[in-house]
Structure formats: structure tokens, C-alpha cells
Amino acid sequence: MIKIRFFAGIKERVGKEEVILDSKGGSVADILKALDKDNPMISEILLSLKAMIAVNHEMAGMRTLVKDGDEVAFIPPFSGG
């Protein structure tokens, strides 16, 4: 089981704060494919918003491996000043 969390504008576009994915893991790219099976268009939304990815609270990329029990978060880009 992998917990997928969405924040800010991504949460609004996806319409959910989190999704529990029944998966043993794989890469973040594999997780996106699995998400799309039950929630069409999520990966397109994430890619169009240029979401940042965190796995277990550490910045990650599409090739980062995710295992059972991990948390994957998609965070919109931000800027400050």
C-alpha cells in the first residue's frame, strides 16, 4: 500500500487530498501509470502543473523507487521573494 498525497492547486485540480494505491511499488513513473488506471488524467494534471515530487518527505524524481508503505507527495511549484 502506497499513500499518494496532493497539495494546494494540485489537490484542487485532482479533487482529492490523498489516494491509497494498492501496489508493492516501482518507480514514481510506475506509480503514475497505476494512478491513471483508477483516476484517469491524474498524470496529465501533474505533468501540466510541473509538480514537484517527494517520497517520504525527500525530493524525488520520476525514476525514484517507491516501495510498499512509502508516501509519495505531489507539490505544485512555488516561488518566494
Protein backbone atom coordinates (compact mmCIF):
# COMPACT_ATOMS: atom_id res chain seq x y z
CA MET A 1 0.00 0.00 0.00
CA ILE A 2 1.37 3.39 -1.00
CA LYS A 3 -0.09 6.70 0.17
CA ILE A 4 -0.27 9.37 -2.54
CA ARG A 5 -0.79 12.96 -1.33
CA PHE A 6 -1.71 16.06 -3.32
CA PHE A 7 -1.19 19.64 -2.16
CA ALA A 8 -2.56 23.13 -2.93
CA GLY A 9 -3.57 23.67 -6.57
CA ILE A 10 -2.90 20.04 -7.43
CA LYS A 11 -5.35 18.91 -4.76
CA GLU A 12 -7.96 21.25 -6.22
CA ARG A 13 -7.42 20.03 -9.80
CA VAL A 14 -7.36 16.34 -8.87
CA GLY A 15 -10.29 16.72 -6.48
CA LYS A 16 -8.67 14.63 -3.75
CA GLU A 17 -6.21 15.18 -0.94
CA GLU A 18 -4.89 11.65 -0.99
CA VAL A 19 -5.21 8.28 -2.67
CA ILE A 20 -4.19 4.91 -1.28
CA LEU A 21 -2.67 2.79 -4.01
CA ASP A 22 -2.66 -0.97 -3.58
CA SER A 23 0.79 -1.54 -5.02
CA LYS A 24 4.03 -3.17 -3.99
CA GLY A 25 5.94 -0.31 -5.57
CA GLY A 26 8.09 0.55 -8.55
CA SER A 27 9.37 3.88 -9.81
CA VAL A 28 7.42 7.12 -9.41
CA ALA A 29 6.65 6.82 -13.15
CA ASP A 30 5.14 3.36 -12.49
CA ILE A 31 3.07 4.82 -9.66
CA LEU A 32 1.68 7.49 -12.02
CA LYS A 33 0.66 4.80 -14.51
CA ALA A 34 -1.09 2.87 -11.76
CA LEU A 35 -2.87 6.03 -10.59
CA ASP A 36 -4.19 6.69 -14.08
CA LYS A 37 -5.90 3.28 -14.18
CA ASP A 38 -8.34 4.29 -11.43
CA ASN A 39 -8.10 8.07 -11.77
CA PRO A 40 -7.78 9.00 -15.44
CA MET A 41 -5.94 12.23 -16.19
CA ILE A 42 -4.04 12.49 -12.89
CA SER A 43 -0.63 12.11 -14.52
CA GLU A 44 -1.57 14.65 -17.19
CA ILE A 45 -2.59 17.14 -14.50
CA LEU A 46 0.63 16.54 -12.54
CA LEU A 47 2.81 16.91 -15.61
CA SER A 48 1.00 20.02 -16.86
CA LEU A 49 1.42 21.69 -13.47
CA LYS A 50 5.09 20.66 -13.31
CA ALA A 51 4.54 19.11 -9.91
CA MET A 52 7.48 18.51 -7.64
CA ILE A 53 7.71 15.02 -6.19
CA ALA A 54 8.65 13.93 -2.70
CA VAL A 55 9.00 10.36 -1.49
CA ASN A 56 8.92 10.03 2.29
CA HIS A 57 9.46 13.81 2.65
CA GLU A 58 12.56 13.91 0.43
CA MET A 59 12.62 15.43 -3.04
CA ALA A 60 12.50 12.78 -5.73
CA GLY A 61 12.26 12.25 -9.48
CA MET A 62 10.36 10.03 -11.87
CA ARG A 63 12.98 7.27 -11.55
CA THR A 64 12.96 7.22 -7.75
CA LEU A 65 11.94 3.82 -6.42
CA VAL A 66 8.89 3.58 -4.19
CA LYS A 67 8.11 0.58 -2.02
CA ASP A 68 5.17 -0.70 -0.03
CA GLY A 69 4.49 1.62 2.92
CA ASP A 70 6.01 4.72 1.31
CA GLU A 71 4.33 8.10 0.89
CA VAL A 72 4.55 9.95 -2.42
CA ALA A 73 3.61 13.63 -2.43
CA PHE A 74 2.95 15.85 -5.44
CA ILE A 75 3.56 19.52 -4.71
CA PRO A 76 2.99 22.44 -7.06
CA PRO A 77 6.00 24.61 -7.87
CA PHE A 78 6.33 27.65 -5.65
CA SER A 79 8.30 30.83 -5.56
CA GLY A 80 9.09 33.30 -2.89
CA GLY A 81 10.53 36.68 -2.53
